[in-house]
C-alpha atoms as a PDB file:
ATOM      1  CA  MET A   1     144.582 157.563 138.533  1.00  0.00           C
ATOM      2  CA  THR A   2     142.130 155.517 140.511  1.00  0.00           C
ATOM      3  CA  ALA A   3     142.275 151.814 141.301  1.00  0.00           C
ATOM      4  CA  HIS A   4     139.321 151.288 138.947  1.00  0.00           C
ATOM      5  CA  GLU A   5     141.194 152.977 136.076  1.00  0.00           C
ATOM      6  CA  ILE A   6     144.258 150.806 136.679  1.00  0.00           C
ATOM      7  CA  ALA A   7     142.074 147.672 136.806  1.00  0.00           C
ATOM      8  CA  GLU A   8     140.415 148.643 133.499  1.00  0.00           C
ATOM      9  CA  ALA A   9     143.823 149.215 131.896  1.00  0.00           C
ATOM     10  CA  LEU A  10     145.133 145.833 133.095  1.00  0.00           C
ATOM     11  CA  GLN A  11     141.956 144.091 131.956  1.00  0.00           C
ATOM     12  CA  GLY A  12     142.364 145.672 128.503  1.00  0.00           C
ATOM     13  CA  LEU A  13     145.993 144.603 128.378  1.00  0.00           C
ATOM     14  CA  VAL A  14     145.058 141.008 129.176  1.00  0.00           C
ATOM     15  CA  ALA A  15     142.315 141.066 126.551  1.00  0.00           C
ATOM     16  CA  THR A  16     144.627 142.342 123.793  1.00  0.00           C
ATOM     17  CA  CYS A  17     147.852 140.515 124.710  1.00  0.00           C
ATOM     18  CA  ASP A  18     146.568 136.987 125.216  1.00  0.00           C
ATOM     19  CA  ASP A  19     149.527 135.173 123.622  1.00  0.00           C
ATOM     20  CA  PRO A  20     152.307 136.419 125.970  1.00  0.00           C
ATOM     21  CA  LEU A  21     150.047 136.008 128.997  1.00  0.00           C
ATOM     22  CA  THR A  22     148.954 132.540 127.914  1.00  0.00           C
ATOM     23  CA  GLU A  23     152.568 131.504 127.401  1.00  0.00           C
ATOM     24  CA  TYR A  24     153.457 132.787 130.866  1.00  0.00           C
ATOM     25  CA  LEU A  25     150.442 131.218 132.599  1.00  0.00           C
ATOM     26  CA  ALA A  26     150.291 127.972 130.607  1.00  0.00           C
ATOM     27  CA  ALA A  27     150.557 124.616 132.332  1.00  0.00           C
ATOM     28  CA  PRO A  28     152.848 121.878 130.950  1.00  0.00           C
ATOM     29  CA  ALA A  29     152.313 121.050 127.261  1.00  0.00           C
ATOM     30  CA  GLU A  30     149.974 118.092 127.856  1.00  0.00           C
ATOM     31  CA  ASP A  31     147.611 120.306 129.902  1.00  0.00           C
ATOM     32  CA  ASP A  32     147.677 123.570 127.968  1.00  0.00           C
ATOM     33  CA  VAL A  33     145.592 126.138 129.810  1.00  0.00           C
ATOM     34  CA  CYS A  34     144.873 129.483 128.183  1.00  0.00           C
ATOM     35  CA  VAL A  35     143.102 132.665 129.161  1.00  0.00           C
ATOM     36  CA  THR A  36     139.685 132.751 127.501  1.00  0.00           C
ATOM     37  CA  ASP A  37     138.259 135.942 128.950  1.00  0.00           C
ATOM     38  CA  ALA A  38     138.975 138.905 131.211  1.00  0.00           C
ATOM     39  CA  VAL A  39     135.878 140.616 132.597  1.00  0.00           C
ATOM     40  CA  SER A  40     135.385 143.323 135.198  1.00  0.00           C
ATOM     41  CA  TYR A  41     134.069 142.414 138.620  1.00  0.00           C
ATOM     42  CA  ALA A  42     130.785 144.133 137.696  1.00  0.00           C
ATOM     43  CA  GLU A  43     130.451 142.107 134.475  1.00  0.00           C
ATOM     44  CA  ALA A  44     131.260 138.882 136.348  1.00  0.00           C
ATOM     45  CA  GLY A  45     128.711 139.630 139.068  1.00  0.00           C
ATOM     46  CA  VAL A  46     131.297 139.754 141.858  1.00  0.00           C
ATOM     47  CA  LEU A  47     129.665 141.430 144.853  1.00  0.00           C
ATOM     48  CA  THR A  48     132.346 143.937 145.803  1.00  0.00           C
ATOM     49  CA  HIS A  49     133.165 147.612 145.445  1.00  0.00           C
ATOM     50  CA  ASP A  50     136.846 146.741 144.926  1.00  0.00           C
ATOM     51  CA  ALA A  51     138.517 147.468 141.606  1.00  0.00           C
ATOM     52  CA  GLY A  52     139.472 144.362 139.689  1.00  0.00           C
ATOM     53  CA  PHE A  53     138.667 141.752 137.086  1.00  0.00           C
ATOM     54  CA  VAL A  54     138.239 138.011 136.638  1.00  0.00           C
ATOM     55  CA  LEU A  55     140.503 135.902 134.418  1.00  0.00           C
ATOM     56  CA  ARG A  56     138.685 132.883 132.997  1.00  0.00           C
ATOM     57  CA  MET A  57     140.761 129.967 131.787  1.00  0.00           C
ATOM     58  CA  THR A  58     140.103 127.168 129.277  1.00  0.00           C
ATOM     59  CA  ASP A  59     140.023 124.579 132.071  1.00  0.00           C
ATOM     60  CA  ARG A  60     137.113 126.552 133.651  1.00  0.00           C
ATOM     61  CA  THR A  61     139.199 127.914 136.516  1.00  0.00           C
ATOM     62  CA  GLU A  62     138.889 131.595 137.375  1.00  0.00           C
ATOM     63  CA  PHE A  63     141.244 134.030 139.039  1.00  0.00           C
ATOM     64  CA  GLN A  64     140.170 137.296 140.630  1.00  0.00           C
ATOM     65  CA  ILE A  65     142.666 140.127 140.263  1.00  0.00           C
ATOM     66  CA  THR A  66     142.060 142.958 142.748  1.00  0.00           C
ATOM     67  CA  VAL A  67     143.743 146.366 142.439  1.00  0.00           C
ATOM     68  CA  VAL A  68     144.243 148.337 145.648  1.00  0.00           C
ATOM     69  CA  ARG A  69     145.821 151.780 145.808  1.00  0.00           C
ATOM     70  CA  SER A  70     148.485 151.789 148.520  1.00  0.00           C
ATOM     71  CA  ARG A  71     149.309 155.519 148.630  1.00  0.00           C
END
């Protein structure tokens, strides 16, 4: 498997399993923050050749998840 294949698999997992991820990533109850979208670096316009995706949250924050093959 390549790093890009792993990144695509993780992105798909995030997209289909939002509830467990949201519960894990959520802020305290008064500031509930949920994942709204998971898009590839290419779709998000990130200028890199790295494998990865962007998590977009309801509070408009974004997290970039990069996958790097170590061996």
